[in-house]
C-alpha atoms as a PDB file:
ATOM      1  CA  UNK A   1      79.598 -31.963  56.317  1.00  0.00           C
ATOM      2  CA  UNK A   2      79.079 -29.644  52.935  1.00  0.00           C
ATOM      3  CA  UNK A   3      76.038 -27.918  53.675  1.00  0.00           C
ATOM      4  CA  UNK A   4      72.796 -27.223  51.093  1.00  0.00           C
ATOM      5  CA  UNK A   5      72.857 -23.845  50.114  1.00  0.00           C
ATOM      6  CA  UNK A   6      69.710 -22.566  49.638  1.00  0.00           C
ATOM      7  CA  UNK A   7      67.524 -19.417  48.165  1.00  0.00           C
ATOM      8  CA  UNK A   8      64.148 -19.351  49.261  1.00  0.00           C
ATOM      9  CA  UNK A   9      61.804 -17.248  46.612  1.00  0.00           C
ATOM     10  CA  UNK A  10      58.026 -16.585  47.956  1.00  0.00           C
ATOM     11  CA  UNK A  11      55.738 -13.717  47.604  1.00  0.00           C
ATOM     12  CA  UNK A  12      53.965 -14.799  51.093  1.00  0.00           C
ATOM     13  CA  UNK A  13      56.177 -13.558  54.137  1.00  0.00           C
ATOM     14  CA  UNK A  14      55.030 -15.518  56.759  1.00  0.00           C
ATOM     15  CA  UNK A  15      55.337 -18.890  54.482  1.00  0.00           C
ATOM     16  CA  UNK A  16      58.650 -17.793  53.546  1.00  0.00           C
ATOM     17  CA  UNK A  17      60.179 -17.173  57.179  1.00  0.00           C
ATOM     18  CA  UNK A  18      58.327 -19.735  58.902  1.00  0.00           C
ATOM     19  CA  UNK A  19      60.110 -22.149  56.267  1.00  0.00           C
ATOM     20  CA  UNK A  20      63.353 -20.334  56.825  1.00  0.00           C
ATOM     21  CA  UNK A  21      63.191 -21.099  60.544  1.00  0.00           C
ATOM     22  CA  UNK A  22      62.087 -24.622  60.025  1.00  0.00           C
ATOM     23  CA  UNK A  23      64.864 -25.451  57.441  1.00  0.00           C
ATOM     24  CA  UNK A  24      67.381 -23.776  59.442  1.00  0.00           C
ATOM     25  CA  UNK A  25      67.305 -26.397  62.292  1.00  0.00           C
ATOM     26  CA  UNK A  26      68.695 -28.539  59.807  1.00  0.00           C
ATOM     27  CA  UNK A  27      72.323 -29.251  60.527  1.00  0.00           C
ATOM     28  CA  UNK A  28      73.169 -29.489  56.506  1.00  0.00           C
ATOM     29  CA  UNK A  29      71.275 -26.724  55.466  1.00  0.00           C
ATOM     30  CA  UNK A  30      72.040 -23.094  54.972  1.00  0.00           C
ATOM     31  CA  UNK A  31      69.627 -20.476  54.099  1.00  0.00           C
ATOM     32  CA  UNK A  32      71.581 -17.563  51.758  1.00  0.00           C
ATOM     33  CA  UNK A  33      68.770 -15.253  50.719  1.00  0.00           C
ATOM     34  CA  UNK A  34      64.783 -14.736  50.891  1.00  0.00           C
ATOM     35  CA  UNK A  35      63.007 -13.012  47.287  1.00  0.00           C
ATOM     36  CA  UNK A  36      59.703 -12.076  47.401  1.00  0.00           C
ATOM     37  CA  UNK A  37      58.871 -11.762  43.752  1.00  0.00           C
ATOM     38  CA  UNK A  38      60.691 -13.467  40.419  1.00  0.00           C
ATOM     39  CA  UNK A  39      62.753 -10.138  39.455  1.00  0.00           C
ATOM     40  CA  UNK A  40      64.333 -10.509  43.140  1.00  0.00           C
ATOM     41  CA  UNK A  41      64.852 -14.078  42.667  1.00  0.00           C
ATOM     42  CA  UNK A  42      66.651 -13.694  39.625  1.00  0.00           C
ATOM     43  CA  UNK A  43      69.032 -10.919  40.868  1.00  0.00           C
ATOM     44  CA  UNK A  44      69.540 -13.089  44.267  1.00  0.00           C
ATOM     45  CA  UNK A  45      70.285 -16.415  42.203  1.00  0.00           C
ATOM     46  CA  UNK A  46      72.767 -14.402  39.934  1.00  0.00           C
ATOM     47  CA  UNK A  47      74.545 -13.293  43.338  1.00  0.00           C
ATOM     48  CA  UNK A  48      74.664 -16.168  45.457  1.00  0.00           C
ATOM     49  CA  UNK A  49      74.881 -18.925  43.449  1.00  0.00           C
ATOM     50  CA  UNK A  50      72.699 -21.442  45.813  1.00  0.00           C
ATOM     51  CA  UNK A  51      73.088 -24.872  45.128  1.00  0.00           C
ATOM     52  CA  UNK A  52      69.076 -25.107  45.377  1.00  0.00           C
ATOM     53  CA  UNK A  53      66.312 -22.559  44.332  1.00  0.00           C
ATOM     54  CA  UNK A  54      63.395 -23.483  46.750  1.00  0.00           C
ATOM     55  CA  UNK A  55      60.363 -21.376  44.799  1.00  0.00           C
ATOM     56  CA  UNK A  56      56.889 -20.778  44.287  1.00  0.00           C
ATOM     57  CA  UNK A  57      55.362 -21.037  41.077  1.00  0.00           C
ATOM     58  CA  UNK A  58      52.945 -17.911  41.539  1.00  0.00           C
ATOM     59  CA  UNK A  59      55.035 -15.128  42.156  1.00  0.00           C
ATOM     60  CA  UNK A  60      54.490 -11.576  41.036  1.00  0.00           C
ATOM     61  CA  UNK A  61      56.828  -9.961  38.302  1.00  0.00           C
ATOM     62  CA  UNK A  62      58.161 -13.132  37.354  1.00  0.00           C
ATOM     63  CA  UNK A  63      56.405 -16.658  38.002  1.00  0.00           C
ATOM     64  CA  UNK A  64      58.732 -19.525  39.065  1.00  0.00           C
ATOM     65  CA  UNK A  65      58.987 -20.851  35.253  1.00  0.00           C
ATOM     66  CA  UNK A  66      60.290 -17.165  33.939  1.00  0.00           C
ATOM     67  CA  UNK A  67      62.877 -17.602  36.517  1.00  0.00           C
ATOM     68  CA  UNK A  68      64.233 -20.923  35.420  1.00  0.00           C
ATOM     69  CA  UNK A  69      63.699 -19.684  31.961  1.00  0.00           C
ATOM     70  CA  UNK A  70      65.709 -16.307  32.252  1.00  0.00           C
ATOM     71  CA  UNK A  71      68.671 -18.133  34.182  1.00  0.00           C
ATOM     72  CA  UNK A  72      69.243 -20.878  31.575  1.00  0.00           C
ATOM     73  CA  UNK A  73      72.233 -20.312  29.842  1.00  0.00           C
ATOM     74  CA  UNK A  74      74.006 -18.495  32.614  1.00  0.00           C
ATOM     75  CA  UNK A  75      76.845 -19.383  34.928  1.00  0.00           C
ATOM     76  CA  UNK A  76      74.234 -20.782  37.159  1.00  0.00           C
ATOM     77  CA  UNK A  77      74.416 -24.313  38.480  1.00  0.00           C
ATOM     78  CA  UNK A  78      71.439 -24.256  40.814  1.00  0.00           C
ATOM     79  CA  UNK A  79      69.109 -26.821  40.937  1.00  0.00           C
ATOM     80  CA  UNK A  80      65.557 -25.864  41.109  1.00  0.00           C
ATOM     81  CA  UNK A  81      62.790 -27.551  43.324  1.00  0.00           C
ATOM     82  CA  UNK A  82      59.100 -25.883  42.823  1.00  0.00           C
ATOM     83  CA  UNK A  83      56.578 -25.358  45.885  1.00  0.00           C
ATOM     84  CA  UNK A  84      53.173 -25.573  44.379  1.00  0.00           C
ATOM     85  CA  UNK A  85      49.313 -25.989  44.813  1.00  0.00           C
ATOM     86  CA  UNK A  86      49.034 -27.554  41.562  1.00  0.00           C
ATOM     87  CA  UNK A  87      49.316 -31.454  41.094  1.00  0.00           C
ATOM     88  CA  UNK A  88      47.848 -32.377  37.741  1.00  0.00           C
ATOM     89  CA  UNK A  89      50.133 -34.382  35.360  1.00  0.00           C
ATOM     90  CA  UNK A  90      50.165 -31.100  32.814  1.00  0.00           C
ATOM     91  CA  UNK A  91      52.158 -28.980  35.302  1.00  0.00           C
ATOM     92  CA  UNK A  92      54.000 -31.429  36.159  1.00  0.00           C
ATOM     93  CA  UNK A  93      55.339 -32.108  32.761  1.00  0.00           C
ATOM     94  CA  UNK A  94      55.099 -28.160  31.933  1.00  0.00           C
ATOM     95  CA  UNK A  95      57.443 -27.588  35.029  1.00  0.00           C
ATOM     96  CA  UNK A  96      59.615 -30.574  34.052  1.00  0.00           C
ATOM     97  CA  UNK A  97      60.255 -29.367  30.561  1.00  0.00           C
ATOM     98  CA  UNK A  98      61.433 -25.948  31.986  1.00  0.00           C
ATOM     99  CA  UNK A  99      64.009 -27.626  33.681  1.00  0.00           C
ATOM    100  CA  UNK A 100      62.591 -28.196  37.353  1.00  0.00           C
ATOM    101  CA  UNK A 101      64.509 -30.577  39.414  1.00  0.00           C
ATOM    102  CA  UNK A 102      62.034 -31.494  42.187  1.00  0.00           C
ATOM    103  CA  UNK A 103      58.135 -30.938  42.510  1.00  0.00           C
ATOM    104  CA  UNK A 104      56.668 -30.534  46.101  1.00  0.00           C
ATOM    105  CA  UNK A 105      53.127 -29.393  47.256  1.00  0.00           C
ATOM    106  CA  UNK A 106      52.043 -26.658  49.838  1.00  0.00           C
ATOM    107  CA  UNK A 107      50.167 -29.260  51.558  1.00  0.00           C
ATOM    108  CA  UNK A 108      53.009 -31.690  51.990  1.00  0.00           C
ATOM    109  CA  UNK A 109      54.741 -32.418  55.181  1.00  0.00           C
ATOM    110  CA  UNK A 110      58.372 -30.986  56.255  1.00  0.00           C
ATOM    111  CA  UNK A 111      60.111 -34.475  55.726  1.00  0.00           C
ATOM    112  CA  UNK A 112      58.840 -34.561  52.117  1.00  0.00           C
ATOM    113  CA  UNK A 113      60.053 -31.415  51.760  1.00  0.00           C
ATOM    114  CA  UNK A 114      63.567 -32.378  53.078  1.00  0.00           C
ATOM    115  CA  UNK A 115      63.824 -35.331  51.007  1.00  0.00           C
ATOM    116  CA  UNK A 116      62.991 -33.119  48.061  1.00  0.00           C
ATOM    117  CA  UNK A 117      65.929 -30.798  48.869  1.00  0.00           C
ATOM    118  CA  UNK A 118      68.203 -33.781  49.881  1.00  0.00           C
ATOM    119  CA  UNK A 119      67.349 -35.609  46.725  1.00  0.00           C
ATOM    120  CA  UNK A 120      67.633 -32.979  44.267  1.00  0.00           C
ATOM    121  CA  UNK A 121      70.806 -31.702  45.963  1.00  0.00           C
ATOM    122  CA  UNK A 122      72.567 -35.542  45.395  1.00  0.00           C
ATOM    123  CA  UNK A 123      71.555 -35.416  41.513  1.00  0.00           C
ATOM    124  CA  UNK A 124      68.126 -36.930  41.225  1.00  0.00           C
ATOM    125  CA  UNK A 125      64.464 -35.812  40.372  1.00  0.00           C
ATOM    126  CA  UNK A 126      61.875 -35.725  43.077  1.00  0.00           C
ATOM    127  CA  UNK A 127      58.425 -35.788  42.772  1.00  0.00           C
ATOM    128  CA  UNK A 128      55.883 -35.224  45.719  1.00  0.00           C
ATOM    129  CA  UNK A 129      54.504 -38.741  46.822  1.00  0.00           C
ATOM    130  CA  UNK A 130      51.027 -37.478  46.335  1.00  0.00           C
ATOM    131  CA  UNK A 131      51.599 -36.721  42.727  1.00  0.00           C
ATOM    132  CA  UNK A 132      53.874 -39.949  42.532  1.00  0.00           C
ATOM    133  CA  UNK A 133      50.661 -41.820  43.084  1.00  0.00           C
ATOM    134  CA  UNK A 134      48.110 -39.768  40.655  1.00  0.00           C
ATOM    135  CA  UNK A 135      50.930 -40.686  38.386  1.00  0.00           C
ATOM    136  CA  UNK A 136      51.346 -44.166  39.220  1.00  0.00           C
ATOM    137  CA  UNK A 137      47.505 -44.555  38.723  1.00  0.00           C
ATOM    138  CA  UNK A 138      47.337 -42.827  35.510  1.00  0.00           C
ATOM    139  CA  UNK A 139      50.509 -45.038  34.424  1.00  0.00           C
ATOM    140  CA  UNK A 140      47.977 -48.130  35.194  1.00  0.00           C
ATOM    141  CA  UNK A 141      45.502 -46.425  32.879  1.00  0.00           C
ATOM    142  CA  UNK A 142      47.577 -46.184  30.387  1.00  0.00           C
ATOM    143  CA  UNK A 143      50.110 -49.535  30.307  1.00  0.00           C
ATOM    144  CA  UNK A 144      49.467 -49.529  26.567  1.00  0.00           C
ATOM    145  CA  UNK A 145      51.606 -46.210  26.111  1.00  0.00           C
ATOM    146  CA  UNK A 146      54.771 -48.685  26.889  1.00  0.00           C
ATOM    147  CA  UNK A 147      53.959 -51.126  24.455  1.00  0.00           C
ATOM    148  CA  UNK A 148      53.847 -47.772  22.081  1.00  0.00           C
ATOM    149  CA  UNK A 149      57.521 -46.942  23.537  1.00  0.00           C
ATOM    150  CA  UNK A 150      58.789 -50.387  21.907  1.00  0.00           C
ATOM    151  CA  UNK A 151      58.157 -48.518  18.343  1.00  0.00           C
ATOM    152  CA  UNK A 152      60.891 -46.286  19.353  1.00  0.00           C
ATOM    153  CA  UNK A 153      64.718 -46.878  18.453  1.00  0.00           C
ATOM    154  CA  UNK A 154      67.127 -46.629  21.558  1.00  0.00           C
ATOM    155  CA  UNK A 155      68.308 -43.119  20.301  1.00  0.00           C
ATOM    156  CA  UNK A 156      64.801 -42.196  20.214  1.00  0.00           C
ATOM    157  CA  UNK A 157      63.981 -43.228  23.912  1.00  0.00           C
ATOM    158  CA  UNK A 158      67.154 -41.363  24.957  1.00  0.00           C
ATOM    159  CA  UNK A 159      65.992 -38.044  23.217  1.00  0.00           C
ATOM    160  CA  UNK A 160      62.996 -38.745  24.826  1.00  0.00           C
ATOM    161  CA  UNK A 161      64.371 -39.058  28.269  1.00  0.00           C
ATOM    162  CA  UNK A 162      66.513 -35.923  27.859  1.00  0.00           C
ATOM    163  CA  UNK A 163      63.495 -33.940  26.322  1.00  0.00           C
ATOM    164  CA  UNK A 164      61.754 -34.986  29.358  1.00  0.00           C
ATOM    165  CA  UNK A 165      64.296 -33.450  31.756  1.00  0.00           C
ATOM    166  CA  UNK A 166      63.748 -29.723  29.890  1.00  0.00           C
ATOM    167  CA  UNK A 167      66.978 -29.739  27.729  1.00  0.00           C
ATOM    168  CA  UNK A 168      66.384 -28.278  24.436  1.00  0.00           C
ATOM    169  CA  UNK A 169      67.768 -30.010  21.000  1.00  0.00           C
ATOM    170  CA  UNK A 170      70.863 -28.259  21.486  1.00  0.00           C
ATOM    171  CA  UNK A 171      71.461 -29.181  24.967  1.00  0.00           C
ATOM    172  CA  UNK A 172      70.439 -32.793  23.846  1.00  0.00           C
ATOM    173  CA  UNK A 173      73.091 -32.762  20.783  1.00  0.00           C
ATOM    174  CA  UNK A 174      75.707 -31.907  23.700  1.00  0.00           C
ATOM    175  CA  UNK A 175      74.543 -34.771  25.683  1.00  0.00           C
ATOM    176  CA  UNK A 176      74.159 -37.788  22.948  1.00  0.00           C
ATOM    177  CA  UNK A 177      77.190 -36.228  20.862  1.00  0.00           C
ATOM    178  CA  UNK A 178      75.233 -35.796  17.800  1.00  0.00           C
ATOM    179  CA  UNK A 179      74.470 -32.698  15.652  1.00  0.00           C
ATOM    180  CA  UNK A 180      71.295 -30.670  16.458  1.00  0.00           C
ATOM    181  CA  UNK A 181      69.908 -31.435  12.859  1.00  0.00           C
ATOM    182  CA  UNK A 182      69.828 -34.994  13.952  1.00  0.00           C
ATOM    183  CA  UNK A 183      68.373 -34.493  17.200  1.00  0.00           C
ATOM    184  CA  UNK A 184      65.761 -32.526  15.816  1.00  0.00           C
ATOM    185  CA  UNK A 185      65.067 -35.688  13.281  1.00  0.00           C
ATOM    186  CA  UNK A 186      64.965 -37.849  16.190  1.00  0.00           C
ATOM    187  CA  UNK A 187      62.260 -35.354  18.118  1.00  0.00           C
ATOM    188  CA  UNK A 188      60.079 -35.442  14.927  1.00  0.00           C
ATOM    189  CA  UNK A 189      60.349 -39.335  14.073  1.00  0.00           C
ATOM    190  CA  UNK A 190      59.511 -39.885  17.889  1.00  0.00           C
ATOM    191  CA  UNK A 191      56.560 -37.447  18.079  1.00  0.00           C
ATOM    192  CA  UNK A 192      54.853 -38.869  14.850  1.00  0.00           C
ATOM    193  CA  UNK A 193      55.188 -42.650  16.277  1.00  0.00           C
ATOM    194  CA  UNK A 194      53.631 -42.163  19.489  1.00  0.00           C
ATOM    195  CA  UNK A 195      51.187 -39.757  17.674  1.00  0.00           C
ATOM    196  CA  UNK A 196      51.911 -36.695  19.626  1.00  0.00           C
ATOM    197  CA  UNK A 197      51.492 -33.231  18.446  1.00  0.00           C
ATOM    198  CA  UNK A 198      54.437 -31.361  20.738  1.00  0.00           C
ATOM    199  CA  UNK A 199      57.217 -31.775  23.097  1.00  0.00           C
ATOM    200  CA  UNK A 200      54.903 -31.116  26.202  1.00  0.00           C
ATOM    201  CA  UNK A 201      52.776 -34.199  25.279  1.00  0.00           C
ATOM    202  CA  UNK A 202      56.152 -36.413  25.221  1.00  0.00           C
ATOM    203  CA  UNK A 203      57.014 -34.871  28.618  1.00  0.00           C
ATOM    204  CA  UNK A 204      53.656 -36.085  30.019  1.00  0.00           C
ATOM    205  CA  UNK A 205      53.821 -39.598  28.267  1.00  0.00           C
ATOM    206  CA  UNK A 206      57.478 -39.702  30.032  1.00  0.00           C
ATOM    207  CA  UNK A 207      56.299 -38.965  33.113  1.00  0.00           C
ATOM    208  CA  UNK A 208      53.427 -41.438  33.099  1.00  0.00           C
ATOM    209  CA  UNK A 209      55.807 -44.104  32.050  1.00  0.00           C
ATOM    210  CA  UNK A 210      58.202 -43.422  34.604  1.00  0.00           C
ATOM    211  CA  UNK A 211      60.962 -42.913  32.127  1.00  0.00           C
ATOM    212  CA  UNK A 212      61.756 -39.351  33.601  1.00  0.00           C
ATOM    213  CA  UNK A 213      62.956 -41.463  36.776  1.00  0.00           C
ATOM    214  CA  UNK A 214      65.303 -43.915  34.779  1.00  0.00           C
ATOM    215  CA  UNK A 215      69.024 -42.599  33.576  1.00  0.00           C
ATOM    216  CA  UNK A 216      69.975 -42.366  30.267  1.00  0.00           C
ATOM    217  CA  UNK A 217      72.175 -45.637  30.317  1.00  0.00           C
ATOM    218  CA  UNK A 218      69.092 -47.867  31.858  1.00  0.00           C
ATOM    219  CA  UNK A 219      66.189 -46.999  29.462  1.00  0.00           C
ATOM    220  CA  UNK A 220      63.849 -49.922  28.036  1.00  0.00           C
ATOM    221  CA  UNK A 221      65.104 -51.627  25.029  1.00  0.00           C
ATOM    222  CA  UNK A 222      68.213 -53.616  24.302  1.00  0.00           C
ATOM    223  CA  UNK A 223      71.388 -51.895  23.392  1.00  0.00           C
ATOM    224  CA  UNK A 224      72.460 -51.605  19.989  1.00  0.00           C
ATOM    225  CA  UNK A 225      69.046 -51.219  18.497  1.00  0.00           C
ATOM    226  CA  UNK A 226      69.316 -49.208  15.075  1.00  0.00           C
ATOM    227  CA  UNK A 227      69.416 -45.580  14.867  1.00  0.00           C
END
């Protein structure tokens, strides 16, 4: 059995050590290192190249979001699961835009954390059930946003999907085999159609609609729409 190699990054020693002891009880998990701040985390991740980085968002010297941004564009293929006390849409969307793959609350149970780690390791995104419930409530309040989504072409929906996963225009162009300029135009058009000001607002909308949990090949709408 291939073990999930994990780096723990949290500035609270007791929390970090307790988490390590609990995770090491799992037969499919191996802790390859611990970091007490963001700078240490970056150095450790670069040297160990773990499967998953389980990191606190609020850390000294460099916070969790800065750690993820710093490692973008490097050889590191690690996935990131954020541990946080924040459970609002804005924080969720901001973390998603950075490229964080999982979102777990510090108040959550061990089974939830294990589910997050295993889901992210298998290639899926994960949102803490408590947060997912709030997003579902928000989704019910914003049902009309799904109607607005129908204003987008299939290509624009695909761009919105990749944007919500934290990819920049150049990365989206590689995913969709389009020029960076074409992707930039799609982003501008979808923002205008949806009445949004920036990419963060677009990411929030994608989370509300559940678009971030679909795949790029199963987006709403019929194939073959105009570009």
